[in-house]
C-alpha atoms as a PDB file:
ATOM      1  CA  MET A   1      19.826  22.694  -3.560  1.00  0.00           C
ATOM      2  CA  GLN A   2      16.866  24.660  -5.101  1.00  0.00           C
ATOM      3  CA  GLY A   3      17.870  23.493  -8.587  1.00  0.00           C
ATOM      4  CA  LEU A   4      16.822  19.945  -7.667  1.00  0.00           C
ATOM      5  CA  LYS A   5      14.114  18.533  -9.982  1.00  0.00           C
ATOM      6  CA  LEU A   6      11.389  17.229  -7.505  1.00  0.00           C
ATOM      7  CA  GLY A   7       8.300  15.065  -8.106  1.00  0.00           C
ATOM      8  CA  MET A   8       5.454  14.109  -5.651  1.00  0.00           C
ATOM      9  CA  ILE A   9       3.637  10.897  -5.554  1.00  0.00           C
ATOM     10  CA  GLY A  10       0.652  11.496  -3.401  1.00  0.00           C
ATOM     11  CA  CYS A  11      -1.862  14.258  -3.030  1.00  0.00           C
ATOM     12  CA  GLY A  12      -3.863  13.223   0.263  1.00  0.00           C
ATOM     13  CA  VAL A  13      -4.675  15.528   3.067  1.00  0.00           C
ATOM     14  CA  HIS A  14      -1.260  15.050   4.838  1.00  0.00           C
ATOM     15  CA  ALA A  15       0.618  15.644   1.717  1.00  0.00           C
ATOM     16  CA  LYS A  16      -1.099  18.839   0.834  1.00  0.00           C
ATOM     17  CA  ALA A  17      -1.343  20.376   4.416  1.00  0.00           C
ATOM     18  CA  ASN A  18       2.210  19.561   5.611  1.00  0.00           C
ATOM     19  CA  ILE A  19       4.686  18.288   2.803  1.00  0.00           C
ATOM     20  CA  PHE A  20       3.554  20.500  -0.108  1.00  0.00           C
ATOM     21  CA  SER A  21       3.020  23.483   2.120  1.00  0.00           C
ATOM     22  CA  SER A  22       6.409  23.179   3.666  1.00  0.00           C
ATOM     23  CA  LEU A  23       8.140  22.819   0.358  1.00  0.00           C
ATOM     24  CA  HIS A  24       6.252  25.796  -1.085  1.00  0.00           C
ATOM     25  CA  MET A  25       7.165  27.914   1.877  1.00  0.00           C
ATOM     26  CA  MET A  26      10.793  26.961   1.700  1.00  0.00           C
ATOM     27  CA  GLY A  27      11.067  27.913  -2.064  1.00  0.00           C
ATOM     28  CA  TYR A  28      11.446  24.450  -3.423  1.00  0.00           C
ATOM     29  CA  PRO A  29       9.308  24.290  -6.450  1.00  0.00           C
ATOM     30  CA  MET A  30       7.875  20.864  -7.669  1.00  0.00           C
ATOM     31  CA  LYS A  31       8.428  19.806 -11.321  1.00  0.00           C
ATOM     32  CA  ALA A  32       5.549  17.227 -11.293  1.00  0.00           C
ATOM     33  CA  VAL A  33       3.070  15.633  -9.166  1.00  0.00           C
ATOM     34  CA  CYS A  34       1.011  12.376  -9.289  1.00  0.00           C
ATOM     35  CA  ALA A  35      -2.135  11.079  -7.567  1.00  0.00           C
ATOM     36  CA  ARG A  36      -4.166   7.730  -8.266  1.00  0.00           C
ATOM     37  CA  HIS A  37      -7.137  10.219  -9.343  1.00  0.00           C
ATOM     38  CA  LEU A  38      -5.739  12.677 -12.049  1.00  0.00           C
ATOM     39  CA  GLU A  39      -8.130  15.385 -10.890  1.00  0.00           C
ATOM     40  CA  ARG A  40      -6.528  15.510  -7.342  1.00  0.00           C
ATOM     41  CA  ALA A  41      -3.136  15.819  -9.012  1.00  0.00           C
ATOM     42  CA  GLN A  42      -4.392  18.632 -11.295  1.00  0.00           C
ATOM     43  CA  GLU A  43      -5.941  20.491  -8.176  1.00  0.00           C
ATOM     44  CA  ALA A  44      -2.458  20.231  -6.301  1.00  0.00           C
ATOM     45  CA  ALA A  45      -0.729  21.325  -9.312  1.00  0.00           C
ATOM     46  CA  ALA A  46      -2.820  24.412  -9.697  1.00  0.00           C
ATOM     47  CA  ARG A  47      -2.745  25.299  -5.975  1.00  0.00           C
ATOM     48  CA  PHE A  48       0.929  25.025  -5.689  1.00  0.00           C
ATOM     49  CA  GLY A  49       2.262  26.113  -9.143  1.00  0.00           C
ATOM     50  CA  ILE A  50       3.484  22.625 -10.375  1.00  0.00           C
ATOM     51  CA  ASP A  51       4.148  22.223 -14.012  1.00  0.00           C
ATOM     52  CA  LYS A  52       2.821  18.657 -14.693  1.00  0.00           C
ATOM     53  CA  ALA A  53       0.077  16.491 -13.273  1.00  0.00           C
ATOM     54  CA  PHE A  54      -0.278  12.662 -13.658  1.00  0.00           C
ATOM     55  CA  GLY A  55      -2.652   9.961 -12.623  1.00  0.00           C
ATOM     56  CA  ASN A  56       0.128   7.277 -12.827  1.00  0.00           C
ATOM     57  CA  TYR A  57       3.328   7.322 -10.915  1.00  0.00           C
ATOM     58  CA  LYS A  58       5.165   5.182 -13.405  1.00  0.00           C
ATOM     59  CA  GLU A  59       4.096   7.501 -16.322  1.00  0.00           C
ATOM     60  CA  MET A  60       5.462  10.442 -14.336  1.00  0.00           C
ATOM     61  CA  LEU A  61       8.712   8.786 -13.752  1.00  0.00           C
ATOM     62  CA  ASP A  62       8.929   7.610 -17.417  1.00  0.00           C
ATOM     63  CA  GLN A  63       8.294  11.239 -18.803  1.00  0.00           C
ATOM     64  CA  GLU A  64       9.883  13.648 -16.234  1.00  0.00           C
ATOM     65  CA  GLU A  65      13.589  13.940 -15.513  1.00  0.00           C
ATOM     66  CA  LEU A  66      13.839  14.040 -11.763  1.00  0.00           C
ATOM     67  CA  ASP A  67      16.461  14.031  -9.064  1.00  0.00           C
ATOM     68  CA  ALA A  68      14.296  13.228  -6.026  1.00  0.00           C
ATOM     69  CA  VAL A  69      10.771  12.081  -5.331  1.00  0.00           C
ATOM     70  CA  PHE A  70       8.530  12.411  -2.378  1.00  0.00           C
ATOM     71  CA  VAL A  71       6.319   9.326  -1.605  1.00  0.00           C
ATOM     72  CA  ILE A  72       3.314  10.091   0.580  1.00  0.00           C
ATOM     73  CA  THR A  73       0.782   7.632  -0.131  1.00  0.00           C
ATOM     74  CA  GLU A  74      -1.181   4.936   1.820  1.00  0.00           C
ATOM     75  CA  ALA A  75       1.207   2.957   4.001  1.00  0.00           C
ATOM     76  CA  ALA A  76       0.987  -0.431   2.392  1.00  0.00           C
ATOM     77  CA  SER A  77       1.734   0.964  -0.947  1.00  0.00           C
ATOM     78  CA  GLN A  78       4.951   2.996  -0.353  1.00  0.00           C
ATOM     79  CA  ALA A  79       7.435   0.229  -0.233  1.00  0.00           C
ATOM     80  CA  ASP A  80       6.985  -0.810  -3.759  1.00  0.00           C
ATOM     81  CA  ILE A  81       6.913   2.721  -4.980  1.00  0.00           C
ATOM     82  CA  VAL A  82      10.142   3.503  -3.289  1.00  0.00           C
ATOM     83  CA  LYS A  83      11.771   0.522  -4.915  1.00  0.00           C
ATOM     84  CA  GLU A  84      10.723   1.600  -8.199  1.00  0.00           C
ATOM     85  CA  CYS A  85      12.122   5.013  -7.495  1.00  0.00           C
ATOM     86  CA  LEU A  86      15.388   3.691  -6.280  1.00  0.00           C
ATOM     87  CA  GLN A  87      15.755   1.331  -9.376  1.00  0.00           C
ATOM     88  CA  ARG A  88      15.293   4.405 -11.436  1.00  0.00           C
ATOM     89  CA  GLY A  89      18.225   6.248  -9.558  1.00  0.00           C
ATOM     90  CA  LEU A  90      16.201   8.733  -7.636  1.00  0.00           C
ATOM     91  CA  HIS A  91      16.797  10.107  -4.120  1.00  0.00           C
ATOM     92  CA  VAL A  92      13.560   9.365  -1.947  1.00  0.00           C
ATOM     93  CA  PHE A  93      11.862  11.085   0.874  1.00  0.00           C
ATOM     94  CA  VAL A  94       9.002   8.890   2.178  1.00  0.00           C
ATOM     95  CA  GLU A  95       6.313   9.169   4.679  1.00  0.00           C
ATOM     96  CA  LYS A  96       6.362   6.672   7.535  1.00  0.00           C
ATOM     97  CA  PRO A  97       6.084   3.733   7.592  1.00  0.00           C
ATOM     98  CA  LEU A  98       8.561   2.488   5.071  1.00  0.00           C
ATOM     99  CA  GLY A  99       7.611  -1.211   4.884  1.00  0.00           C
ATOM    100  CA  MET A 100       4.964  -2.939   7.064  1.00  0.00           C
ATOM    101  CA  ASN A 101       7.445  -5.047   8.927  1.00  0.00           C
ATOM    102  CA  GLU A 102      11.215  -5.477   9.471  1.00  0.00           C
ATOM    103  CA  GLN A 103      11.825  -7.662   6.308  1.00  0.00           C
ATOM    104  CA  GLU A 104      10.249  -5.145   4.005  1.00  0.00           C
ATOM    105  CA  ALA A 105      12.181  -2.388   5.602  1.00  0.00           C
ATOM    106  CA  LEU A 106      15.485  -4.380   5.289  1.00  0.00           C
ATOM    107  CA  GLU A 107      14.812  -5.128   1.504  1.00  0.00           C
ATOM    108  CA  ILE A 108      14.746  -1.409   0.978  1.00  0.00           C
ATOM    109  CA  ALA A 109      17.685  -0.480   2.930  1.00  0.00           C
ATOM    110  CA  ASP A 110      19.794  -3.019   0.920  1.00  0.00           C
ATOM    111  CA  LEU A 111      18.532  -1.658  -2.345  1.00  0.00           C
ATOM    112  CA  ALA A 112      19.253   1.959  -1.232  1.00  0.00           C
ATOM    113  CA  ASP A 113      22.694   0.926  -0.433  1.00  0.00           C
ATOM    114  CA  GLU A 114      23.007  -0.909  -3.731  1.00  0.00           C
ATOM    115  CA  MET A 115      21.896   2.085  -5.839  1.00  0.00           C
ATOM    116  CA  ASN A 116      23.832   4.593  -3.625  1.00  0.00           C
ATOM    117  CA  LYS A 117      20.838   6.871  -3.130  1.00  0.00           C
ATOM    118  CA  LYS A 118      19.478   8.611  -0.024  1.00  0.00           C
ATOM    119  CA  VAL A 119      16.220   7.483   1.443  1.00  0.00           C
ATOM    120  CA  MET A 120      14.773   9.394   4.366  1.00  0.00           C
ATOM    121  CA  VAL A 121      11.817   8.363   6.393  1.00  0.00           C
ATOM    122  CA  GLY A 122       9.467  11.120   7.464  1.00  0.00           C
ATOM    123  CA  PHE A 123       9.878  10.786  11.198  1.00  0.00           C
ATOM    124  CA  MET A 124       9.234  14.480  11.847  1.00  0.00           C
ATOM    125  CA  LYS A 125       9.179  14.373  15.533  1.00  0.00           C
ATOM    126  CA  ARG A 126      12.994  13.994  15.651  1.00  0.00           C
ATOM    127  CA  PHE A 127      12.957  17.616  14.022  1.00  0.00           C
ATOM    128  CA  SER A 128      10.433  19.188  16.458  1.00  0.00           C
ATOM    129  CA  PRO A 129      11.887  21.983  18.483  1.00  0.00           C
ATOM    130  CA  SER A 130      10.277  20.418  21.697  1.00  0.00           C
ATOM    131  CA  TYR A 131      11.718  17.218  21.269  1.00  0.00           C
ATOM    132  CA  ILE A 132      15.207  18.704  20.229  1.00  0.00           C
ATOM    133  CA  ALA A 133      15.020  20.639  23.499  1.00  0.00           C
ATOM    134  CA  MET A 134      14.233  17.704  25.510  1.00  0.00           C
ATOM    135  CA  LYS A 135      17.204  15.741  24.040  1.00  0.00           C
ATOM    136  CA  ARG A 136      19.475  18.699  24.988  1.00  0.00           C
ATOM    137  CA  ILE A 137      18.156  19.044  28.434  1.00  0.00           C
ATOM    138  CA  MET A 138      18.532  15.227  29.110  1.00  0.00           C
ATOM    139  CA  ASN A 139      22.057  15.333  27.688  1.00  0.00           C
ATOM    140  CA  ASN A 140      23.124  18.149  30.336  1.00  0.00           C
ATOM    141  CA  LYS A 141      24.512  15.582  32.736  1.00  0.00           C
ATOM    142  CA  GLU A 142      25.807  18.363  35.074  1.00  0.00           C
ATOM    143  CA  ASP A 143      22.274  19.508  35.911  1.00  0.00           C
ATOM    144  CA  PHE A 144      19.968  16.685  34.855  1.00  0.00           C
ATOM    145  CA  GLY A 145      22.096  13.831  36.050  1.00  0.00           C
ATOM    146  CA  THR A 146      21.716  10.376  34.537  1.00  0.00           C
ATOM    147  CA  ALA A 147      18.474   9.888  32.708  1.00  0.00           C
ATOM    148  CA  LEU A 148      16.748   6.933  34.546  1.00  0.00           C
ATOM    149  CA  SER A 149      13.014   6.525  33.278  1.00  0.00           C
ATOM    150  CA  PHE A 150      10.171   7.991  31.359  1.00  0.00           C
ATOM    151  CA  MET A 151       6.240   7.757  30.967  1.00  0.00           C
ATOM    152  CA  GLY A 152       4.672   8.502  27.778  1.00  0.00           C
ATOM    153  CA  MET A 153       1.466   8.673  25.690  1.00  0.00           C
ATOM    154  CA  PHE A 154       0.323   8.856  22.117  1.00  0.00           C
ATOM    155  CA  ALA A 155      -3.447   8.996  21.754  1.00  0.00           C
ATOM    156  CA  ILE A 156      -5.651   9.677  18.706  1.00  0.00           C
ATOM    157  CA  THR A 157      -9.298   8.826  17.824  1.00  0.00           C
ATOM    158  CA  SER A 158     -10.585   5.369  17.046  1.00  0.00           C
ATOM    159  CA  GLY A 159     -12.669   3.727  14.385  1.00  0.00           C
ATOM    160  CA  ARG A 160     -10.299   3.762  11.281  1.00  0.00           C
ATOM    161  CA  PRO A 161     -11.009   0.818   9.154  1.00  0.00           C
ATOM    162  CA  GLY A 162      -8.354  -1.867   9.667  1.00  0.00           C
ATOM    163  CA  TRP A 163      -6.474   0.110  12.465  1.00  0.00           C
ATOM    164  CA  ASP A 164      -6.053  -2.912  14.793  1.00  0.00           C
ATOM    165  CA  ASN A 165      -2.889  -3.142  17.164  1.00  0.00           C
ATOM    166  CA  ASN A 166      -0.744  -3.844  14.249  1.00  0.00           C
ATOM    167  CA  VAL A 167      -1.702  -1.035  11.884  1.00  0.00           C
ATOM    168  CA  PHE A 168      -2.056   1.516  14.772  1.00  0.00           C
ATOM    169  CA  THR A 169       1.522   0.763  15.823  1.00  0.00           C
ATOM    170  CA  LYS A 170       3.050   0.853  12.557  1.00  0.00           C
ATOM    171  CA  VAL A 171       1.128   3.670  11.011  1.00  0.00           C
ATOM    172  CA  GLY A 172       0.302   5.927  14.056  1.00  0.00           C
ATOM    173  CA  GLY A 173       2.241   4.972  17.083  1.00  0.00           C
ATOM    174  CA  ILE A 174       5.462   4.412  15.054  1.00  0.00           C
ATOM    175  CA  HIS A 175       5.970   8.118  15.569  1.00  0.00           C
ATOM    176  CA  TYR A 176       6.688   7.503  19.337  1.00  0.00           C
ATOM    177  CA  VAL A 177       8.401   4.136  18.547  1.00  0.00           C
ATOM    178  CA  ASP A 178      11.004   6.031  16.438  1.00  0.00           C
ATOM    179  CA  LEU A 179      11.217   8.754  18.890  1.00  0.00           C
ATOM    180  CA  MET A 180      12.035   6.456  21.836  1.00  0.00           C
ATOM    181  CA  ARG A 181      14.964   5.080  19.898  1.00  0.00           C
ATOM    182  CA  ASP A 182      15.959   8.668  18.949  1.00  0.00           C
ATOM    183  CA  LEU A 183      15.919   9.678  22.697  1.00  0.00           C
ATOM    184  CA  PHE A 184      16.864   6.540  24.631  1.00  0.00           C
ATOM    185  CA  GLY A 185      18.768   4.092  22.159  1.00  0.00           C
ATOM    186  CA  GLU A 186      17.841   0.519  21.475  1.00  0.00           C
ATOM    187  CA  VAL A 187      15.249  -1.514  23.426  1.00  0.00           C
ATOM    188  CA  GLN A 188      16.718  -4.580  25.395  1.00  0.00           C
ATOM    189  CA  ASP A 189      13.509  -6.016  26.719  1.00  0.00           C
ATOM    190  CA  ILE A 190       9.771  -5.318  26.308  1.00  0.00           C
ATOM    191  CA  HIS A 191       6.438  -6.376  27.731  1.00  0.00           C
ATOM    192  CA  GLY A 192       2.924  -5.426  26.815  1.00  0.00           C
ATOM    193  CA  TYR A 193      -0.691  -5.455  27.800  1.00  0.00           C
ATOM    194  CA  THR A 194      -3.709  -4.761  25.719  1.00  0.00           C
ATOM    195  CA  ASN A 195      -7.462  -4.107  26.128  1.00  0.00           C
ATOM    196  CA  SER A 196      -7.922  -3.439  22.389  1.00  0.00           C
ATOM    197  CA  VAL A 197     -11.159  -4.556  20.794  1.00  0.00           C
ATOM    198  CA  ASP A 198     -11.114  -4.550  16.993  1.00  0.00           C
ATOM    199  CA  VAL A 199     -10.366  -0.832  16.025  1.00  0.00           C
ATOM    200  CA  GLU A 200     -10.541   0.584  19.486  1.00  0.00           C
ATOM    201  CA  VAL A 201      -6.950   0.303  20.579  1.00  0.00           C
ATOM    202  CA  ASP A 202      -5.727   0.508  24.204  1.00  0.00           C
ATOM    203  CA  ASN A 203      -2.241  -0.779  24.893  1.00  0.00           C
ATOM    204  CA  ILE A 204       0.513  -0.201  27.496  1.00  0.00           C
ATOM    205  CA  PHE A 205       3.976  -1.608  27.164  1.00  0.00           C
ATOM    206  CA  THR A 206       7.170  -1.376  29.359  1.00  0.00           C
ATOM    207  CA  MET A 207      10.740  -1.376  28.197  1.00  0.00           C
ATOM    208  CA  ARG A 208      14.201  -1.739  29.425  1.00  0.00           C
ATOM    209  CA  PHE A 209      16.946  -0.111  27.102  1.00  0.00           C
ATOM    210  CA  ASP A 210      20.558  -0.963  26.537  1.00  0.00           C
ATOM    211  CA  SER A 211      21.388   2.254  28.106  1.00  0.00           C
ATOM    212  CA  GLY A 212      19.734   1.168  31.444  1.00  0.00           C
ATOM    213  CA  MET A 213      16.715   3.414  30.920  1.00  0.00           C
ATOM    214  CA  ILE A 214      13.403   2.002  31.864  1.00  0.00           C
ATOM    215  CA  GLY A 215       9.908   3.260  30.721  1.00  0.00           C
ATOM    216  CA  SER A 216       6.213   2.840  29.851  1.00  0.00           C
ATOM    217  CA  MET A 217       4.206   3.974  26.943  1.00  0.00           C
ATOM    218  CA  PHE A 218       0.422   4.242  26.438  1.00  0.00           C
ATOM    219  CA  PHE A 219      -0.893   3.967  22.985  1.00  0.00           C
ATOM    220  CA  GLY A 220      -4.546   4.796  22.525  1.00  0.00           C
ATOM    221  CA  GLY A 221      -6.931   4.808  19.622  1.00  0.00           C
ATOM    222  CA  ILE A 222     -10.225   5.108  21.335  1.00  0.00           C
ATOM    223  CA  PRO A 223     -13.079   7.767  21.401  1.00  0.00           C
ATOM    224  CA  ALA A 224     -11.964   9.424  24.618  1.00  0.00           C
ATOM    225  CA  TRP A 225      -8.829  10.981  22.595  1.00  0.00           C
ATOM    226  CA  LYS A 226     -10.421  12.409  19.582  1.00  0.00           C
ATOM    227  CA  ARG A 227      -8.479  15.671  20.384  1.00  0.00           C
ATOM    228  CA  HIS A 228      -5.166  13.799  19.855  1.00  0.00           C
ATOM    229  CA  TRP A 229      -2.774  13.954  22.791  1.00  0.00           C
ATOM    230  CA  GLU A 230       1.012  13.222  23.163  1.00  0.00           C
ATOM    231  CA  GLU A 231       3.213  13.597  25.987  1.00  0.00           C
ATOM    232  CA  ILE A 232       6.381  12.400  27.373  1.00  0.00           C
ATOM    233  CA  CYS A 233       8.077  12.903  30.723  1.00  0.00           C
ATOM    234  CA  VAL A 234      11.770  11.820  31.419  1.00  0.00           C
ATOM    235  CA  THR A 235      13.208  11.685  34.861  1.00  0.00           C
ATOM    236  CA  GLY A 236      16.893  11.953  35.667  1.00  0.00           C
ATOM    237  CA  THR A 237      18.766  11.695  39.047  1.00  0.00           C
ATOM    238  CA  ASN A 238      18.620  15.558  39.501  1.00  0.00           C
ATOM    239  CA  GLY A 239      15.811  16.679  37.115  1.00  0.00           C
ATOM    240  CA  PHE A 240      12.809  15.987  35.069  1.00  0.00           C
ATOM    241  CA  VAL A 241      11.731  17.106  31.518  1.00  0.00           C
ATOM    242  CA  LYS A 242       8.181  16.900  29.995  1.00  0.00           C
ATOM    243  CA  VAL A 243       6.849  17.628  26.571  1.00  0.00           C
ATOM    244  CA  ASP A 244       3.176  18.146  25.889  1.00  0.00           C
ATOM    245  CA  ASN A 245       1.929  18.091  22.259  1.00  0.00           C
ATOM    246  CA  MET A 246       5.146  19.566  20.787  1.00  0.00           C
ATOM    247  CA  MET A 247       3.831  22.918  22.138  1.00  0.00           C
ATOM    248  CA  GLN A 248       5.442  23.166  25.685  1.00  0.00           C
ATOM    249  CA  VAL A 249       8.484  21.902  27.279  1.00  0.00           C
ATOM    250  CA  ARG A 250       8.744  22.043  31.051  1.00  0.00           C
ATOM    251  CA  TYR A 251      11.953  21.094  33.168  1.00  0.00           C
ATOM    252  CA  HIS A 252      13.227  21.160  36.517  1.00  0.00           C
ATOM    253  CA  PHE A 253      16.795  20.878  38.075  1.00  0.00           C
ATOM    254  CA  ASP A 254      17.136  20.174  41.691  1.00  0.00           C
ATOM    255  CA  LYS A 255      19.129  22.946  43.467  1.00  0.00           C
ATOM    256  CA  PRO A 256      20.697  23.270  46.868  1.00  0.00           C
ATOM    257  CA  VAL A 257      18.170  24.357  49.453  1.00  0.00           C
ATOM    258  CA  LYS A 258      18.575  27.991  50.489  1.00  0.00           C
ATOM    259  CA  THR A 259      15.621  28.329  52.792  1.00  0.00           C
ATOM    260  CA  ALA A 260      16.105  28.783  56.416  1.00  0.00           C
ATOM    261  CA  GLY A 261      13.825  26.652  58.331  1.00  0.00           C
ATOM    262  CA  ALA A 262      10.990  24.584  57.220  1.00  0.00           C
ATOM    263  CA  ARG A 263      10.776  24.589  53.231  1.00  0.00           C
ATOM    264  CA  TRP A 264       6.889  24.285  53.382  1.00  0.00           C
ATOM    265  CA  LYS A 265       6.885  27.871  54.413  1.00  0.00           C
ATOM    266  CA  THR A 266       8.136  29.211  51.210  1.00  0.00           C
ATOM    267  CA  LEU A 267       7.745  28.616  47.430  1.00  0.00           C
ATOM    268  CA  ASP A 268      11.449  27.592  46.360  1.00  0.00           C
ATOM    269  CA  GLU A 269      10.895  24.969  43.765  1.00  0.00           C
ATOM    270  CA  GLU A 270      11.476  26.223  40.200  1.00  0.00           C
ATOM    271  CA  ASP A 271      10.364  24.955  36.856  1.00  0.00           C
ATOM    272  CA  THR A 272      11.268  26.329  33.561  1.00  0.00           C
ATOM    273  CA  VAL A 273       8.651  26.435  30.837  1.00  0.00           C
ATOM    274  CA  LEU A 274       9.518  26.842  27.081  1.00  0.00           C
ATOM    275  CA  ALA A 275       6.698  27.653  24.700  1.00  0.00           C
ATOM    276  CA  PRO A 276       6.162  29.358  21.298  1.00  0.00           C
ATOM    277  CA  VAL A 277       4.938  32.841  20.947  1.00  0.00           C
ATOM    278  CA  ASN A 278       1.186  33.323  20.149  1.00  0.00           C
ATOM    279  CA  THR A 279       1.075  35.493  17.047  1.00  0.00           C
ATOM    280  CA  SER A 280      -0.662  35.776  13.643  1.00  0.00           C
ATOM    281  CA  SER A 281       2.427  37.039  12.086  1.00  0.00           C
ATOM    282  CA  SER A 282       3.598  33.413  10.974  1.00  0.00           C
ATOM    283  CA  GLY A 283       0.690  33.356   8.425  1.00  0.00           C
ATOM    284  CA  GLY A 284      -0.173  29.837   9.481  1.00  0.00           C
ATOM    285  CA  TRP A 285       3.411  28.481   9.116  1.00  0.00           C
ATOM    286  CA  ARG A 286       4.244  28.116  12.685  1.00  0.00           C
ATOM    287  CA  ASP A 287       2.805  24.490  13.053  1.00  0.00           C
ATOM    288  CA  LEU A 288       4.964  23.377  10.165  1.00  0.00           C
ATOM    289  CA  TYR A 289       7.992  24.369  12.208  1.00  0.00           C
ATOM    290  CA  LEU A 290       6.865  23.183  15.601  1.00  0.00           C
ATOM    291  CA  ASN A 291       5.726  19.829  14.271  1.00  0.00           C
ATOM    292  CA  GLY A 292       9.014  19.310  12.637  1.00  0.00           C
ATOM    293  CA  TYR A 293       7.969  19.344   8.904  1.00  0.00           C
ATOM    294  CA  VAL A 294      10.176  22.038   7.780  1.00  0.00           C
ATOM    295  CA  GLY A 295      13.183  20.628   9.916  1.00  0.00           C
ATOM    296  CA  GLU A 296      12.951  17.011   8.283  1.00  0.00           C
ATOM    297  CA  LEU A 297      12.798  18.526   4.747  1.00  0.00           C
ATOM    298  CA  GLU A 298      15.770  20.736   5.371  1.00  0.00           C
ATOM    299  CA  HIS A 299      17.679  17.863   6.657  1.00  0.00           C
ATOM    300  CA  PHE A 300      16.803  15.868   3.511  1.00  0.00           C
ATOM    301  CA  PHE A 301      17.979  18.320   1.155  1.00  0.00           C
ATOM    302  CA  ASP A 302      21.079  19.148   3.349  1.00  0.00           C
ATOM    303  CA  CYS A 303      22.058  15.443   3.065  1.00  0.00           C
ATOM    304  CA  ILE A 304      21.736  15.325  -0.612  1.00  0.00           C
ATOM    305  CA  GLU A 305      23.912  18.473  -0.884  1.00  0.00           C
ATOM    306  CA  LYS A 306      26.638  17.119   1.309  1.00  0.00           C
ATOM    307  CA  ASP A 307      26.340  13.521   0.361  1.00  0.00           C
ATOM    308  CA  GLN A 308      25.626  12.291   3.942  1.00  0.00           C
ATOM    309  CA  ASN A 309      23.144   9.878   5.038  1.00  0.00           C
ATOM    310  CA  PRO A 310      19.926  11.055   6.847  1.00  0.00           C
ATOM    311  CA  ILE A 311      19.773  10.487  10.621  1.00  0.00           C
ATOM    312  CA  CYS A 312      16.445   8.374   9.979  1.00  0.00           C
ATOM    313  CA  ASP A 313      17.531   6.642   6.659  1.00  0.00           C
ATOM    314  CA  ALA A 314      16.518   3.420   5.246  1.00  0.00           C
ATOM    315  CA  ARG A 315      18.901   1.381   7.417  1.00  0.00           C
ATOM    316  CA  ASP A 316      17.805   3.039  10.715  1.00  0.00           C
ATOM    317  CA  ASN A 317      14.290   2.436   9.636  1.00  0.00           C
ATOM    318  CA  VAL A 318      14.938  -1.273   9.798  1.00  0.00           C
ATOM    319  CA  LYS A 319      15.455  -0.789  13.569  1.00  0.00           C
ATOM    320  CA  THR A 320      12.273   1.048  14.061  1.00  0.00           C
ATOM    321  CA  MET A 321      10.245  -1.532  12.169  1.00  0.00           C
ATOM    322  CA  ALA A 322      11.786  -4.181  14.193  1.00  0.00           C
ATOM    323  CA  LEU A 323      10.695  -2.572  17.438  1.00  0.00           C
ATOM    324  CA  CYS A 324       7.346  -2.241  15.983  1.00  0.00           C
ATOM    325  CA  ASP A 325       7.022  -5.968  15.284  1.00  0.00           C
ATOM    326  CA  GLN A 326       8.407  -6.615  18.678  1.00  0.00           C
ATOM    327  CA  ILE A 327       5.503  -4.396  20.279  1.00  0.00           C
ATOM    328  CA  VAL A 328       2.820  -6.135  18.257  1.00  0.00           C
ATOM    329  CA  GLN A 329       4.137  -9.676  19.243  1.00  0.00           C
ATOM    330  CA  CYS A 330       4.406  -8.628  22.800  1.00  0.00           C
ATOM    331  CA  LEU A 331       0.748  -7.634  22.714  1.00  0.00           C
ATOM    332  CA  LYS A 332      -0.147 -11.126  21.560  1.00  0.00           C
ATOM    333  CA  GLY A 333       1.745 -12.526  24.612  1.00  0.00           C
ATOM    334  CA  LYS A 334       4.408 -13.963  22.309  1.00  0.00           C
END
C-alpha cells in the first residue's frame, strides 16, 4: 500500500505532531499537502519531504492525482471537505468529529456508500494497546466473569472559545463516547447532570446499555484538569480492569482463598499491572503507538488493500454522533 498517492488537508498542531509524524515513521510519503495559509503548508512540506504545497484544498484536488486524502481540519469544516473528496472518488481518513450531529454524519455515510469509497474516522483510542488489552481482559469470561458496570472520566483544560457542553462533547469527549460504544455496545438509556458555566464544562451522565452493562462517565473541561486525565474502570463478576491515561492497565481476577485462618493476616490479593517500558530508544515514537495513532493508520491502509470497511467507518460514526446528540440533549433535561 506504500504506492498509494496521498494528500493531506490540514497542517495544525495535531496533524503535524501525530498524523504527519506517524505516516513519516511508517514510510508512507505524502504527495501533496494543503493548509488555509500557504506558508504553513510549505513549512510542513519542507519538514516532511512532501513535493507540493497548496493554500486551497480544491486546487490540490484539481491538480494532483490522488488515491486517498487525510482531512485534519477544524471540526465544523470537515464534513464539507470529506463530501468533496468522496465526490472526486477518493478514500478518506478524517479526524473526529465527522459531522457535528447525527444528520450530517448520515449524509456522509450515504455518500460513501454511493461512491463505494472508504471513509475512516480517527477514533484512535480503539487502537490504543491499553484499551485493546482492556477489551481482551473483559472478554475473558472464564476469569473475568460477566462485565457488569464501569466508571470513567475524560478531563482536559477549559477556556477554549465556544467549547460549551455541545462542542466539548462532540470534539473532545467524543473520544470516550466512541470508546464506550466499542467496549460496551449501544446505549439503551441515558441521564445527565451538569454544572457547566459557559466554557467551563462539568458533566456527569449515567447509562444502561443493550448488553445490560451500566456505567457513569464524567466529562470535565475546567482549570482543575489542565494536565489532561482519562481513566476507565470496568467491574465484572469475578474481576476488574482499569486503564489510566493509556499508559497503565491494572486488572484483578478473584481466586480461591488458600490462606489458612484469617485472611487479614496475609497479603493474598493479587493485581496484574501492564505498563510500557521506559526507554529513550523509541526516539520519541512511543506515544504515537501507545495513543493509537499508528494503529489507526495501519488499519486504514489495510482496509484499502483488502477492500474491507474500517471498524470506525462513516456508517458506524452515525451511531457515535447520535449518542453525542443524546448526551447533549440529556444535559439540557430533554
